[in-house]
C-alpha atoms as a PDB file:
ATOM      1  CA  UNK A   1    -102.381 -13.101 -16.030  1.00  0.00           C
ATOM      2  CA  UNK A   2    -100.809  -9.692 -15.335  1.00  0.00           C
ATOM      3  CA  UNK A   3    -100.472 -10.635 -11.661  1.00  0.00           C
ATOM      4  CA  UNK A   4     -98.532 -13.791 -12.588  1.00  0.00           C
ATOM      5  CA  UNK A   5     -96.199 -11.829 -14.854  1.00  0.00           C
ATOM      6  CA  UNK A   6     -95.522  -9.273 -12.110  1.00  0.00           C
ATOM      7  CA  UNK A   7     -94.863 -12.052  -9.618  1.00  0.00           C
ATOM      8  CA  UNK A   8     -92.460 -13.788 -11.993  1.00  0.00           C
ATOM      9  CA  UNK A   9     -90.661 -10.518 -12.703  1.00  0.00           C
ATOM     10  CA  UNK A  10     -90.354  -9.818  -8.977  1.00  0.00           C
ATOM     11  CA  UNK A  11     -88.977 -13.295  -8.313  1.00  0.00           C
ATOM     12  CA  UNK A  12     -86.544 -12.958 -11.210  1.00  0.00           C
ATOM     13  CA  UNK A  13     -85.328  -9.612  -9.887  1.00  0.00           C
ATOM     14  CA  UNK A  14     -84.772 -11.098  -6.427  1.00  0.00           C
ATOM     15  CA  UNK A  15     -82.828 -14.055  -7.813  1.00  0.00           C
ATOM     16  CA  UNK A  16     -80.696 -11.717  -9.930  1.00  0.00           C
ATOM     17  CA  UNK A  17     -80.012  -9.506  -6.901  1.00  0.00           C
ATOM     18  CA  UNK A  18     -78.977 -12.422  -4.693  1.00  0.00           C
ATOM     19  CA  UNK A  19     -76.726 -13.829  -7.417  1.00  0.00           C
ATOM     20  CA  UNK A  20     -75.048 -10.453  -7.943  1.00  0.00           C
ATOM     21  CA  UNK A  21     -74.512  -9.921  -4.213  1.00  0.00           C
ATOM     22  CA  UNK A  22     -73.069 -13.421  -3.814  1.00  0.00           C
ATOM     23  CA  UNK A  23     -70.642 -12.878  -6.694  1.00  0.00           C
ATOM     24  CA  UNK A  24     -69.541  -9.540  -5.231  1.00  0.00           C
ATOM     25  CA  UNK A  25     -68.906 -11.121  -1.822  1.00  0.00           C
ATOM     26  CA  UNK A  26     -66.743 -13.843  -3.390  1.00  0.00           C
ATOM     27  CA  UNK A  27     -64.733 -11.240  -5.298  1.00  0.00           C
ATOM     28  CA  UNK A  28     -64.257  -9.208  -2.122  1.00  0.00           C
ATOM     29  CA  UNK A  29     -63.106 -12.263  -0.164  1.00  0.00           C
ATOM     30  CA  UNK A  30     -60.654 -13.193  -2.908  1.00  0.00           C
ATOM     31  CA  UNK A  31     -59.250  -9.685  -2.978  1.00  0.00           C
ATOM     32  CA  UNK A  32     -58.625  -9.714   0.765  1.00  0.00           C
ATOM     33  CA  UNK A  33     -56.408 -12.786   0.616  1.00  0.00           C
ATOM     34  CA  UNK A  34     -52.819 -11.559   0.213  1.00  0.00           C
ATOM     35  CA  UNK A  35     -50.443 -13.189  -2.206  1.00  0.00           C
ATOM     36  CA  UNK A  36     -47.990 -15.324  -0.165  1.00  0.00           C
ATOM     37  CA  UNK A  37     -44.986 -14.340  -2.306  1.00  0.00           C
ATOM     38  CA  UNK A  38     -45.759 -10.637  -1.952  1.00  0.00           C
ATOM     39  CA  UNK A  39     -46.346 -11.065   1.767  1.00  0.00           C
ATOM     40  CA  UNK A  40     -42.924 -12.627   2.260  1.00  0.00           C
ATOM     41  CA  UNK A  41     -41.261 -10.004   0.063  1.00  0.00           C
ATOM     42  CA  UNK A  42     -42.873  -7.210   2.072  1.00  0.00           C
ATOM     43  CA  UNK A  43     -42.497  -8.561   5.619  1.00  0.00           C
ATOM     44  CA  UNK A  44     -39.259 -10.586   5.441  1.00  0.00           C
ATOM     45  CA  UNK A  45     -36.954  -7.971   6.958  1.00  0.00           C
ATOM     46  CA  UNK A  46     -33.937 -10.274   7.272  1.00  0.00           C
ATOM     47  CA  UNK A  47     -34.356 -11.544   3.677  1.00  0.00           C
ATOM     48  CA  UNK A  48     -34.130 -15.234   4.591  1.00  0.00           C
ATOM     49  CA  UNK A  49     -37.145 -16.197   2.456  1.00  0.00           C
ATOM     50  CA  UNK A  50     -39.464 -16.965   5.372  1.00  0.00           C
ATOM     51  CA  UNK A  51     -41.299 -15.078   8.109  1.00  0.00           C
ATOM     52  CA  UNK A  52     -40.455 -15.343  11.780  1.00  0.00           C
ATOM     53  CA  UNK A  53     -43.031 -14.662  14.463  1.00  0.00           C
ATOM     54  CA  UNK A  54     -41.280 -11.354  15.185  1.00  0.00           C
ATOM     55  CA  UNK A  55     -41.601 -10.313  11.542  1.00  0.00           C
ATOM     56  CA  UNK A  56     -45.278 -11.279  11.593  1.00  0.00           C
ATOM     57  CA  UNK A  57     -45.841  -9.278  14.795  1.00  0.00           C
ATOM     58  CA  UNK A  58     -44.165  -6.234  13.246  1.00  0.00           C
ATOM     59  CA  UNK A  59     -46.618  -6.260  10.319  1.00  0.00           C
ATOM     60  CA  UNK A  60     -48.930  -3.268  10.370  1.00  0.00           C
ATOM     61  CA  UNK A  61     -52.060  -5.005   9.080  1.00  0.00           C
ATOM     62  CA  UNK A  62     -53.794  -8.320   9.396  1.00  0.00           C
ATOM     63  CA  UNK A  63     -53.858 -11.011  11.992  1.00  0.00           C
ATOM     64  CA  UNK A  64     -50.875 -12.963  10.771  1.00  0.00           C
ATOM     65  CA  UNK A  65     -49.224 -13.003  14.203  1.00  0.00           C
ATOM     66  CA  UNK A  66     -52.443 -14.213  15.846  1.00  0.00           C
ATOM     67  CA  UNK A  67     -52.740 -17.100  13.358  1.00  0.00           C
ATOM     68  CA  UNK A  68     -48.989 -17.783  13.207  1.00  0.00           C
ATOM     69  CA  UNK A  69     -49.006 -21.085  15.121  1.00  0.00           C
ATOM     70  CA  UNK A  70     -51.930 -22.409  13.075  1.00  0.00           C
ATOM     71  CA  UNK A  71     -50.259 -21.529   9.770  1.00  0.00           C
ATOM     72  CA  UNK A  72     -46.850 -22.864  10.898  1.00  0.00           C
ATOM     73  CA  UNK A  73     -47.820 -26.466  10.209  1.00  0.00           C
ATOM     74  CA  UNK A  74     -44.306 -27.885  10.629  1.00  0.00           C
ATOM     75  CA  UNK A  75     -43.839 -25.983  13.936  1.00  0.00           C
ATOM     76  CA  UNK A  76     -40.378 -24.728  13.020  1.00  0.00           C
ATOM     77  CA  UNK A  77     -41.113 -21.153  14.115  1.00  0.00           C
ATOM     78  CA  UNK A  78     -41.213 -19.779  10.581  1.00  0.00           C
ATOM     79  CA  UNK A  79     -43.845 -19.291   7.893  1.00  0.00           C
ATOM     80  CA  UNK A  80     -42.639 -20.423   4.510  1.00  0.00           C
ATOM     81  CA  UNK A  81     -44.245 -19.873   1.113  1.00  0.00           C
ATOM     82  CA  UNK A  82     -45.891 -23.313   1.059  1.00  0.00           C
ATOM     83  CA  UNK A  83     -47.420 -22.826   4.509  1.00  0.00           C
ATOM     84  CA  UNK A  84     -48.781 -19.395   3.649  1.00  0.00           C
ATOM     85  CA  UNK A  85     -50.216 -20.666   0.364  1.00  0.00           C
ATOM     86  CA  UNK A  86     -51.955 -23.567   2.133  1.00  0.00           C
ATOM     87  CA  UNK A  87     -53.240 -21.494   5.062  1.00  0.00           C
ATOM     88  CA  UNK A  88     -56.998 -21.520   5.549  1.00  0.00           C
ATOM     89  CA  UNK A  89     -58.805 -18.394   4.489  1.00  0.00           C
ATOM     90  CA  UNK A  90     -60.615 -16.320   7.038  1.00  0.00           C
ATOM     91  CA  UNK A  91     -63.465 -18.483   8.274  1.00  0.00           C
ATOM     92  CA  UNK A  92     -61.447 -21.701   8.114  1.00  0.00           C
ATOM     93  CA  UNK A  93     -61.759 -22.492   4.394  1.00  0.00           C
ATOM     94  CA  UNK A  94     -58.692 -23.829   2.627  1.00  0.00           C
ATOM     95  CA  UNK A  95     -57.669 -22.025  -0.570  1.00  0.00           C
ATOM     96  CA  UNK A  96     -58.948 -23.511  -3.788  1.00  0.00           C
ATOM     97  CA  UNK A  97     -56.461 -25.065  -6.188  1.00  0.00           C
END
């Protein structure tokens, strides 16, 4: 009987650990995704309300310039708020509504 209790406790501890780690990873991923409005406010040097490829390339962090053409869904050469908000997260997942 004691062996069964120890086994159940061990299994419960493992499940708890995996659940906690999974929740922490989700929180970390969410934190890494920048707010599109803040991104435009920070990087939009000409204050036209959208980001050009040059503005994206001038950004110090991130891979925005590398993903520019993928995010620019209307192919107009600019990233607008709607495009940034709909951009897939790292790993190809679309943001959740």
